[in-house]
Structure formats: structure tokens, C-alpha cells
Amino acid sequence: MKKTLFLALLMTLALPSSVFAYGAIAIDNQYGDDDPAYGFSIGEDSKERAQRHAVKYCREYGGTNCKAVVWFETCGAVAVSKKYYGYGYGRNKQKAIDDAMEMCGHKRCQIVAAECE
């Protein structure tokens, strides 16, 4: 078992970083009458690029104070309500959704985006 884990880790480290795809979530947490604006990106070749695109999409969605709040390599999700937001990430979509809903912390929160690489 240890040998298999070691070999898997070694293979992961030997792969060029461009093999992995990154995603990010940006949120505009300014409160108002509308749901918080958000941006979501996946399939980018670096975490910086993923964050930049997420902020760009957040602004296109109407946000004026968008900030990248998280980047991920597998799955991500965003939950929003009128005054609350949450984000999550994890090994699978359900983990990301569960974390986003928990962080949002309000019964009116709804998942607005959940994607995996």
C-alpha cells in the first residue's frame, strides 16, 4: 500500500504543472437588493489565470467589488442569497456543494454554480 501511494505521489510530482487544470470563484460581497454577483472559471492553465477570469466574469455579471475568494483543482461551487454567500471546493461536486451551503449558512441560500474539471 505504501509503495503504491509513493509511486502515485512520485508520478504526480513528475507531471508538468500544465497537465492540471485550475478553477476559481470570485464574489462581489457588496450587499444590496440583488443577489451577490459571482464569477466562476474552470479549465485554466494556472491558478492566477483562473482567478483573473473569475473576477472578469463576476464584473460581467454586474459586480463592482469582485474579488477571487478561492481557487481549486477539482470541483467548486457557489451558493448565494440576498445577503449571504458561500463557496466550496473538494474532490467531488457534492463536497463542494455541501461546503458552499454550509458557509452560506442561511436557509434561503441556493447553489448557483457547481462545476468539476
N, C-alpha and C. Protein backbone atom coordinates (compact mmCIF):
# COMPACT_ATOMS: atom_id res chain seq x y z
N MET A 1 0.83 -1.20 0.00
CA MET A 1 0.00 0.00 0.00
C MET A 1 0.87 1.25 0.00
N LYS A 2 1.89 1.30 0.89
CA LYS A 2 2.76 2.46 0.95
C LYS A 2 3.51 2.66 -0.36
N LYS A 3 3.90 1.54 -0.97
CA LYS A 3 4.64 1.62 -2.23
C LYS A 3 3.76 2.21 -3.33
N THR A 4 2.50 1.81 -3.37
CA THR A 4 1.55 2.34 -4.36
C THR A 4 1.34 3.83 -4.16
N LEU A 5 1.15 4.25 -2.90
CA LEU A 5 0.97 5.68 -2.62
C LEU A 5 2.21 6.47 -3.00
N PHE A 6 3.38 5.93 -2.68
CA PHE A 6 4.63 6.60 -3.03
C PHE A 6 4.76 6.75 -4.55
N LEU A 7 4.45 5.69 -5.28
CA LEU A 7 4.54 5.75 -6.75
C LEU A 7 3.55 6.76 -7.32
N ALA A 8 2.34 6.79 -6.78
CA ALA A 8 1.34 7.75 -7.25
C ALA A 8 1.81 9.18 -6.99
N LEU A 9 2.37 9.43 -5.81
CA LEU A 9 2.88 10.76 -5.48
C LEU A 9 4.04 11.13 -6.40
N LEU A 10 4.93 10.18 -6.62
CA LEU A 10 6.07 10.43 -7.50
C LEU A 10 5.63 10.76 -8.92
N MET A 11 4.64 10.05 -9.43
CA MET A 11 4.13 10.31 -10.77
C MET A 11 3.47 11.68 -10.84
N THR A 12 2.76 12.05 -9.79
CA THR A 12 2.12 13.37 -9.76
C THR A 12 3.16 14.47 -9.78
N LEU A 13 4.23 14.31 -9.02
CA LEU A 13 5.28 15.32 -8.98
C LEU A 13 6.05 15.39 -10.29
N ALA A 14 6.12 14.28 -11.01
CA ALA A 14 6.88 14.25 -12.26
C ALA A 14 6.11 14.88 -13.42
N LEU A 15 4.79 14.99 -13.29
CA LEU A 15 3.99 15.57 -14.37
C LEU A 15 4.19 17.08 -14.41
N PRO A 16 4.24 17.66 -15.60
CA PRO A 16 4.34 19.12 -15.67
C PRO A 16 3.07 19.75 -15.11
N SER A 17 3.22 20.94 -14.51
CA SER A 17 2.06 21.58 -13.89
C SER A 17 0.98 21.94 -14.90
N SER A 18 1.31 22.06 -16.17
CA SER A 18 0.30 22.41 -17.17
C SER A 18 -0.69 21.29 -17.40
N VAL A 19 -0.40 20.07 -16.89
CA VAL A 19 -1.34 18.96 -17.03
C VAL A 19 -2.58 19.23 -16.21
N PHE A 20 -2.42 19.89 -15.07
CA PHE A 20 -3.54 20.16 -14.19
C PHE A 20 -4.30 21.40 -14.64
N ALA A 21 -5.61 21.33 -14.52
CA ALA A 21 -6.44 22.49 -14.84
C ALA A 21 -6.91 23.11 -13.53
N TYR A 22 -7.06 24.41 -13.53
CA TYR A 22 -7.45 25.13 -12.33
C TYR A 22 -8.78 25.83 -12.55
N GLY A 23 -9.47 26.04 -11.46
CA GLY A 23 -10.70 26.80 -11.46
C GLY A 23 -10.64 27.81 -10.33
N ALA A 24 -11.54 28.78 -10.37
CA ALA A 24 -11.59 29.80 -9.31
C ALA A 24 -13.01 30.35 -9.20
N ILE A 25 -13.27 30.95 -8.05
CA ILE A 25 -14.55 31.59 -7.78
C ILE A 25 -14.25 33.01 -7.30
N ALA A 26 -14.96 33.98 -7.86
CA ALA A 26 -14.88 35.37 -7.40
C ALA A 26 -16.26 35.80 -6.93
N ILE A 27 -16.31 36.63 -5.92
CA ILE A 27 -17.57 37.10 -5.33
C ILE A 27 -17.49 38.61 -5.16
N ASP A 28 -18.62 39.27 -5.42
CA ASP A 28 -18.80 40.68 -5.05
C ASP A 28 -19.71 40.67 -3.84
N ASN A 29 -19.16 40.89 -2.67
CA ASN A 29 -19.95 40.75 -1.45
C ASN A 29 -20.60 42.04 -0.99
N GLN A 30 -20.74 43.00 -1.89
CA GLN A 30 -21.48 44.22 -1.55
C GLN A 30 -22.95 43.85 -1.39
N TYR A 31 -23.52 44.21 -0.26
CA TYR A 31 -24.92 43.87 0.00
C TYR A 31 -25.84 44.87 -0.66
N GLY A 32 -26.98 44.39 -1.10
CA GLY A 32 -27.97 45.24 -1.73
C GLY A 32 -29.25 44.46 -1.93
N ASP A 33 -30.05 44.93 -2.85
CA ASP A 33 -31.32 44.26 -3.12
C ASP A 33 -31.16 43.03 -4.00
N ASP A 34 -30.04 42.94 -4.69
CA ASP A 34 -29.82 41.83 -5.60
C ASP A 34 -28.94 40.77 -4.95
N ASP A 35 -28.97 39.57 -5.56
CA ASP A 35 -28.05 38.52 -5.12
C ASP A 35 -26.63 38.98 -5.37
N PRO A 36 -25.68 38.52 -4.55
CA PRO A 36 -24.28 38.88 -4.79
C PRO A 36 -23.83 38.42 -6.18
N ALA A 37 -23.08 39.25 -6.86
CA ALA A 37 -22.53 38.85 -8.15
C ALA A 37 -21.40 37.85 -7.90
N TYR A 38 -21.21 36.96 -8.85
CA TYR A 38 -20.14 35.98 -8.72
C TYR A 38 -19.59 35.66 -10.10
N GLY A 39 -18.41 35.14 -10.13
CA GLY A 39 -17.79 34.66 -11.36
C GLY A 39 -17.14 33.33 -11.09
N PHE A 40 -17.13 32.48 -12.09
CA PHE A 40 -16.65 31.12 -11.94
C PHE A 40 -15.82 30.78 -13.16
N SER A 41 -14.65 30.23 -12.98
CA SER A 41 -13.86 29.80 -14.13
C SER A 41 -13.34 28.39 -13.88
N ILE A 42 -13.22 27.62 -14.95
CA ILE A 42 -12.63 26.29 -14.87
C ILE A 42 -11.79 26.05 -16.12
N GLY A 43 -10.92 25.08 -16.04
CA GLY A 43 -10.12 24.68 -17.20
C GLY A 43 -8.97 25.60 -17.54
N GLU A 44 -8.53 26.42 -16.60
CA GLU A 44 -7.45 27.35 -16.86
C GLU A 44 -6.10 26.66 -16.61
N ASP A 45 -5.03 27.20 -17.20
CA ASP A 45 -3.72 26.57 -17.07
C ASP A 45 -2.91 27.04 -15.86
N SER A 46 -3.42 27.98 -15.09
CA SER A 46 -2.76 28.41 -13.85
C SER A 46 -3.82 28.94 -12.89
N LYS A 47 -3.47 28.94 -11.60
CA LYS A 47 -4.43 29.47 -10.62
C LYS A 47 -4.60 30.97 -10.80
N GLU A 48 -3.53 31.67 -11.19
CA GLU A 48 -3.64 33.11 -11.40
C GLU A 48 -4.60 33.43 -12.54
N ARG A 49 -4.48 32.69 -13.64
CA ARG A 49 -5.37 32.90 -14.78
C ARG A 49 -6.83 32.57 -14.41
N ALA A 50 -7.00 31.50 -13.64
CA ALA A 50 -8.34 31.12 -13.19
C ALA A 50 -8.95 32.24 -12.34
N GLN A 51 -8.15 32.80 -11.44
CA GLN A 51 -8.64 33.88 -10.59
C GLN A 51 -8.98 35.12 -11.40
N ARG A 52 -8.12 35.47 -12.34
CA ARG A 52 -8.37 36.64 -13.20
C ARG A 52 -9.68 36.48 -13.97
N HIS A 53 -9.88 35.31 -14.56
CA HIS A 53 -11.10 35.09 -15.35
C HIS A 53 -12.34 35.08 -14.46
N ALA A 54 -12.23 34.52 -13.26
CA ALA A 54 -13.37 34.52 -12.35
C ALA A 54 -13.77 35.96 -11.99
N VAL A 55 -12.78 36.81 -11.72
CA VAL A 55 -13.06 38.22 -11.42
C VAL A 55 -13.69 38.91 -12.63
N LYS A 56 -13.16 38.63 -13.81
CA LYS A 56 -13.70 39.22 -15.05
C LYS A 56 -15.17 38.83 -15.22
N TYR A 57 -15.48 37.54 -15.04
CA TYR A 57 -16.87 37.09 -15.20
C TYR A 57 -17.77 37.67 -14.12
N CYS A 58 -17.25 37.85 -12.91
CA CYS A 58 -18.01 38.47 -11.84
C CYS A 58 -18.39 39.90 -12.22
N ARG A 59 -17.44 40.64 -12.79
CA ARG A 59 -17.73 42.01 -13.22
C ARG A 59 -18.75 42.03 -14.36
N GLU A 60 -18.63 41.06 -15.27
CA GLU A 60 -19.60 40.97 -16.37
C GLU A 60 -21.00 40.66 -15.85
N TYR A 61 -21.08 39.98 -14.73
CA TYR A 61 -22.35 39.64 -14.10
C TYR A 61 -22.94 40.82 -13.35
N GLY A 62 -22.19 41.92 -13.23
CA GLY A 62 -22.69 43.12 -12.58
C GLY A 62 -21.98 43.51 -11.31
N GLY A 63 -20.98 42.76 -10.91
CA GLY A 63 -20.25 43.08 -9.69
C GLY A 63 -19.32 44.27 -9.89
N THR A 64 -19.18 45.07 -8.86
CA THR A 64 -18.28 46.22 -8.92
C THR A 64 -17.12 46.08 -7.95
N ASN A 65 -17.22 45.14 -7.01
CA ASN A 65 -16.19 44.94 -6.00
C ASN A 65 -15.79 43.46 -5.96
N CYS A 66 -15.55 42.87 -7.12
CA CYS A 66 -15.30 41.44 -7.23
C CYS A 66 -13.89 41.09 -6.77
N LYS A 67 -13.80 40.02 -5.99
CA LYS A 67 -12.52 39.51 -5.51
C LYS A 67 -12.52 37.99 -5.64
N ALA A 68 -11.40 37.45 -6.10
CA ALA A 68 -11.25 35.99 -6.14
C ALA A 68 -11.16 35.50 -4.70
N VAL A 69 -12.03 34.56 -4.34
CA VAL A 69 -12.06 34.07 -2.96
C VAL A 69 -11.43 32.69 -2.82
N VAL A 70 -11.36 31.93 -3.91
CA VAL A 70 -10.78 30.59 -3.82
C VAL A 70 -10.40 30.09 -5.20
N TRP A 71 -9.38 29.27 -5.25
CA TRP A 71 -9.04 28.55 -6.48
C TRP A 71 -9.01 27.07 -6.13
N PHE A 72 -9.19 26.23 -7.15
CA PHE A 72 -9.26 24.79 -6.90
C PHE A 72 -8.78 24.02 -8.12
N GLU A 73 -8.49 22.74 -7.90
CA GLU A 73 -8.04 21.87 -8.97
C GLU A 73 -9.06 20.80 -9.33
N THR A 74 -10.13 20.67 -8.59
CA THR A 74 -11.10 19.61 -8.87
C THR A 74 -12.49 20.18 -9.07
N CYS A 75 -13.22 20.38 -7.99
CA CYS A 75 -14.61 20.87 -8.08
C CYS A 75 -14.80 22.11 -7.22
N GLY A 76 -15.69 22.98 -7.67
CA GLY A 76 -16.03 24.18 -6.91
C GLY A 76 -17.51 24.47 -7.01
N ALA A 77 -18.04 25.20 -6.03
CA ALA A 77 -19.46 25.55 -6.01
C ALA A 77 -19.65 26.91 -5.35
N VAL A 78 -20.73 27.60 -5.73
CA VAL A 78 -21.09 28.89 -5.16
C VAL A 78 -22.55 28.84 -4.74
N ALA A 79 -22.83 29.31 -3.53
CA ALA A 79 -24.20 29.43 -3.03
C ALA A 79 -24.43 30.90 -2.68
N VAL A 80 -25.62 31.42 -2.99
CA VAL A 80 -25.92 32.82 -2.67
C VAL A 80 -27.37 32.96 -2.20
N SER A 81 -27.59 34.03 -1.46
CA SER A 81 -28.92 34.53 -1.13
C SER A 81 -28.81 36.05 -1.21
N LYS A 82 -29.82 36.76 -0.80
CA LYS A 82 -29.78 38.23 -0.90
C LYS A 82 -28.64 38.84 -0.07
N LYS A 83 -28.33 38.27 1.08
CA LYS A 83 -27.34 38.87 1.96
C LYS A 83 -26.16 37.96 2.28
N TYR A 84 -26.20 36.74 1.82
CA TYR A 84 -25.16 35.79 2.20
C TYR A 84 -24.59 35.12 0.96
N TYR A 85 -23.37 34.63 1.10
CA TYR A 85 -22.77 33.82 0.05
C TYR A 85 -21.85 32.79 0.68
N GLY A 86 -21.58 31.78 -0.07
CA GLY A 86 -20.65 30.76 0.38
C GLY A 86 -20.02 30.10 -0.82
N TYR A 87 -18.85 29.57 -0.63
CA TYR A 87 -18.19 28.83 -1.70
C TYR A 87 -17.59 27.57 -1.10
N GLY A 88 -17.40 26.61 -1.95
CA GLY A 88 -16.80 25.36 -1.50
C GLY A 88 -16.01 24.73 -2.62
N TYR A 89 -15.14 23.84 -2.26
CA TYR A 89 -14.36 23.10 -3.23
C TYR A 89 -14.03 21.74 -2.63
N GLY A 90 -13.72 20.80 -3.48
CA GLY A 90 -13.40 19.48 -2.96
C GLY A 90 -13.16 18.47 -4.06
N ARG A 91 -13.04 17.23 -3.66
CA ARG A 91 -12.74 16.14 -4.58
C ARG A 91 -13.89 15.81 -5.52
N ASN A 92 -15.11 16.17 -5.11
CA ASN A 92 -16.27 15.91 -5.97
C ASN A 92 -17.28 17.05 -5.82
N LYS A 93 -18.24 17.06 -6.72
CA LYS A 93 -19.21 18.15 -6.76
C LYS A 93 -20.03 18.23 -5.48
N GLN A 94 -20.42 17.09 -4.93
CA GLN A 94 -21.25 17.10 -3.72
C GLN A 94 -20.51 17.72 -2.54
N LYS A 95 -19.22 17.43 -2.40
CA LYS A 95 -18.41 18.03 -1.32
C LYS A 95 -18.37 19.55 -1.49
N ALA A 96 -18.15 20.00 -2.72
CA ALA A 96 -18.10 21.44 -2.99
C ALA A 96 -19.45 22.10 -2.66
N ILE A 97 -20.53 21.46 -3.07
CA ILE A 97 -21.88 21.98 -2.80
C ILE A 97 -22.15 22.04 -1.30
N ASP A 98 -21.84 20.95 -0.60
CA ASP A 98 -22.08 20.91 0.85
C ASP A 98 -21.31 22.02 1.57
N ASP A 99 -20.06 22.22 1.20
CA ASP A 99 -19.25 23.26 1.83
C ASP A 99 -19.78 24.66 1.52
N ALA A 100 -20.21 24.88 0.27
CA ALA A 100 -20.76 26.19 -0.11
C ALA A 100 -22.04 26.49 0.67
N MET A 101 -22.90 25.50 0.81
CA MET A 101 -24.15 25.71 1.56
C MET A 101 -23.87 25.94 3.04
N GLU A 102 -22.92 25.21 3.59
CA GLU A 102 -22.57 25.40 5.00
C GLU A 102 -21.99 26.79 5.23
N MET A 103 -21.10 27.24 4.35
CA MET A 103 -20.52 28.56 4.51
C MET A 103 -21.57 29.66 4.34
N CYS A 104 -22.48 29.46 3.41
CA CYS A 104 -23.53 30.46 3.18
C CYS A 104 -24.40 30.59 4.44
N GLY A 105 -24.71 29.47 5.06
CA GLY A 105 -25.32 29.47 6.38
C GLY A 105 -26.73 30.02 6.51
N HIS A 106 -27.47 30.07 5.44
CA HIS A 106 -28.83 30.59 5.51
C HIS A 106 -29.75 29.69 4.71
N LYS A 107 -30.96 29.48 5.21
CA LYS A 107 -31.86 28.55 4.54
C LYS A 107 -32.29 29.02 3.15
N ARG A 108 -32.15 30.29 2.86
CA ARG A 108 -32.52 30.80 1.53
C ARG A 108 -31.39 30.72 0.52
N CYS A 109 -30.22 30.27 0.93
CA CYS A 109 -29.10 30.13 0.01
C CYS A 109 -29.40 29.07 -1.04
N GLN A 110 -28.97 29.35 -2.24
CA GLN A 110 -29.15 28.40 -3.34
C GLN A 110 -27.83 28.25 -4.08
N ILE A 111 -27.56 27.06 -4.54
CA ILE A 111 -26.39 26.81 -5.36
C ILE A 111 -26.65 27.45 -6.74
N VAL A 112 -25.73 28.33 -7.16
CA VAL A 112 -25.89 28.98 -8.47
C VAL A 112 -24.86 28.46 -9.48
N ALA A 113 -23.82 27.81 -8.99
CA ALA A 113 -22.83 27.22 -9.88
C ALA A 113 -22.12 26.09 -9.14
N ALA A 114 -21.92 24.99 -9.83
CA ALA A 114 -21.16 23.86 -9.29
C ALA A 114 -20.56 23.12 -10.49
N GLU A 115 -19.23 23.13 -10.56
CA GLU A 115 -18.55 22.53 -11.70
C GLU A 115 -17.34 21.73 -11.26
N CYS A 116 -16.95 20.80 -12.09
CA CYS A 116 -15.75 20.00 -11.85
C CYS A 116 -14.91 19.99 -13.11
N GLU A 117 -13.60 19.82 -12.90
CA GLU A 117 -12.67 19.70 -14.03
C GLU A 117 -12.86 18.36 -14.68
